[in-house]
Structures are given as structure tokens and as C-alpha cells.
């Protein structure tokens, strides 16, 4: 069994007349692995990115060339939330509102 693995999948779709690419990557090297999802617009600007570590079971299944259902589900939801604004921007905007009220 080889100790390195790299895979990239790119899906392009047109939403509201604009092209958007969804890039999913898996990297495994020396028994450690990462999965990453990136959304880019038609001009190549990155709209959102999320990366997570692979579990030991996921690494074993990928290296033995088995299908792993739902591998990118958490990355996709986190990435889409960050594109929409997500939790962090909601917290920042609520802090701004409270600051304005105090003045």
C-alpha cells in the first residue's frame, strides 16, 4: 500500500447566470490526511473554503479504494455557511449593534 494519495474533483455549475466551481480535494501523506472544499466564482476568486482532518477510518477506506458516503458533507455545510455570512459575521454584527446603542 502506498503512503501518499491525492485526489481533486471539480464541478462547475451556473447559478443565476454566473458560473461557480466547487473543488473538493483529499490529501493523504504519511498516515495523515486532509479534506478540503473550495468554492470559486467564474473569475477564479475564492468565495469560501473549509478544510478538515480525515479520521483513521476514512483514511483506511480511501487507501483501500472504497467509497466513503458523506465524506465532504461537513466541509460543504461549513463552506456554504461562511459564504452566506455564517456565525462569525452574525456575532460581529450583533457586537456592532450593541456598541452603537451604548453611545
Protein backbone atom coordinates (compact mmCIF):
# COMPACT_ATOMS: atom_id res chain seq x y z
CA UNK A 1 0.00 0.00 0.00
CA UNK A 2 1.44 3.37 -0.98
CA UNK A 3 1.77 6.06 1.68
CA UNK A 4 0.64 9.01 -0.47
CA UNK A 5 -2.73 9.76 -2.05
CA UNK A 6 -4.05 12.90 -3.76
CA UNK A 7 -7.41 13.43 -5.44
CA UNK A 8 -9.13 16.54 -6.84
CA UNK A 9 -12.68 16.79 -8.15
CA UNK A 10 -14.02 19.95 -9.75
CA UNK A 11 -17.69 20.57 -10.50
CA UNK A 12 -18.87 23.64 -12.40
CA UNK A 13 -22.43 24.94 -12.30
CA UNK A 14 -24.28 28.06 -13.41
CA UNK A 15 -26.32 29.79 -10.70
CA UNK A 16 -28.27 32.97 -11.55
CA UNK A 17 -26.30 33.38 -14.77
CA UNK A 18 -22.91 33.19 -13.06
CA UNK A 19 -20.52 30.27 -13.20
CA UNK A 20 -19.33 28.75 -9.94
CA UNK A 21 -16.78 25.99 -9.34
CA UNK A 22 -16.78 23.58 -6.43
CA UNK A 23 -13.37 21.97 -5.84
CA UNK A 24 -13.03 19.00 -3.48
CA UNK A 25 -9.55 17.76 -2.52
CA UNK A 26 -8.27 14.82 -0.50
CA UNK A 27 -4.61 14.57 0.52
CA UNK A 28 -3.05 11.71 2.47
CA UNK A 29 0.63 11.61 3.32
CA UNK A 30 2.47 9.57 5.97
CA UNK A 31 -0.76 8.33 7.58
CA UNK A 32 -2.29 11.80 8.00
CA UNK A 33 -4.96 13.21 5.74
CA UNK A 34 -6.96 16.33 4.99
CA UNK A 35 -10.15 17.04 3.06
CA UNK A 36 -10.84 20.48 1.62
CA UNK A 37 -13.73 22.15 -0.20
CA UNK A 38 -13.34 25.44 -2.09
CA UNK A 39 -15.93 27.49 -3.97
CA UNK A 40 -14.73 29.86 -6.73
CA UNK A 41 -16.65 32.21 -8.99
CA UNK A 42 -16.26 32.42 -12.79
CA UNK A 43 -13.32 34.84 -12.49
CA UNK A 44 -11.43 32.49 -10.16
CA UNK A 45 -11.99 34.45 -6.93
CA UNK A 46 -12.34 32.21 -3.87
CA UNK A 47 -15.79 32.58 -2.33
CA UNK A 48 -15.35 30.15 0.57
CA UNK A 49 -13.02 27.40 1.82
CA UNK A 50 -13.20 24.78 4.55
CA UNK A 51 -10.62 22.13 5.46
CA UNK A 52 -10.77 19.30 7.99
CA UNK A 53 -8.65 16.35 9.07
CA UNK A 54 -9.58 12.86 7.91
CA UNK A 55 -10.36 10.23 10.53
CA UNK A 56 -8.41 6.98 10.68
CA UNK A 57 -11.39 5.03 9.29
CA UNK A 58 -11.75 7.44 6.36
CA UNK A 59 -8.04 7.16 5.56
CA UNK A 60 -8.20 3.35 5.60
CA UNK A 61 -11.27 3.30 3.33
CA UNK A 62 -9.78 5.79 0.87
CA UNK A 63 -6.45 3.97 0.68
CA UNK A 64 -8.26 0.67 0.02
CA UNK A 65 -10.26 2.46 -2.74
CA UNK A 66 -13.64 2.15 -1.03
CA UNK A 67 -16.44 4.69 -1.42
CA UNK A 68 -16.93 6.87 1.68
CA UNK A 69 -20.51 8.24 1.76
CA UNK A 70 -20.84 11.78 3.08
CA UNK A 71 -17.10 12.46 3.13
CA UNK A 72 -17.45 16.16 2.30
CA UNK A 73 -20.83 16.88 4.00
CA UNK A 74 -19.43 18.81 6.98
CA UNK A 75 -16.96 20.71 4.79
CA UNK A 76 -19.73 21.67 2.37
CA UNK A 77 -22.08 22.96 5.08
CA UNK A 78 -19.29 24.93 6.79
CA UNK A 79 -18.14 26.37 3.48
CA UNK A 80 -21.65 27.39 2.41
CA UNK A 81 -22.28 28.96 5.82
CA UNK A 82 -19.09 31.00 5.52
CA UNK A 83 -20.15 32.19 2.05
CA UNK A 84 -23.55 33.31 3.36
CA UNK A 85 -22.02 35.09 6.31
CA UNK A 86 -22.11 32.32 8.86
CA UNK A 87 -21.94 32.52 12.60
CA UNK A 88 -18.84 34.73 12.91
CA UNK A 89 -20.25 37.61 10.89
CA UNK A 90 -23.54 37.40 12.81
CA UNK A 91 -21.66 37.73 16.10
CA UNK A 92 -19.64 40.66 14.75
CA UNK A 93 -22.73 42.49 13.53
CA UNK A 94 -24.51 41.96 16.86
CA UNK A 95 -21.49 43.42 18.69
CA UNK A 96 -21.59 46.44 16.39
CA UNK A 97 -25.25 46.94 17.19
CA UNK A 98 -24.65 46.83 20.94
CA UNK A 99 -21.79 49.31 20.66
CA UNK A 100 -23.97 51.75 18.78
CA UNK A 101 -26.72 51.51 21.38
CA UNK A 102 -24.35 52.39 24.23
CA UNK A 103 -23.28 55.68 22.65
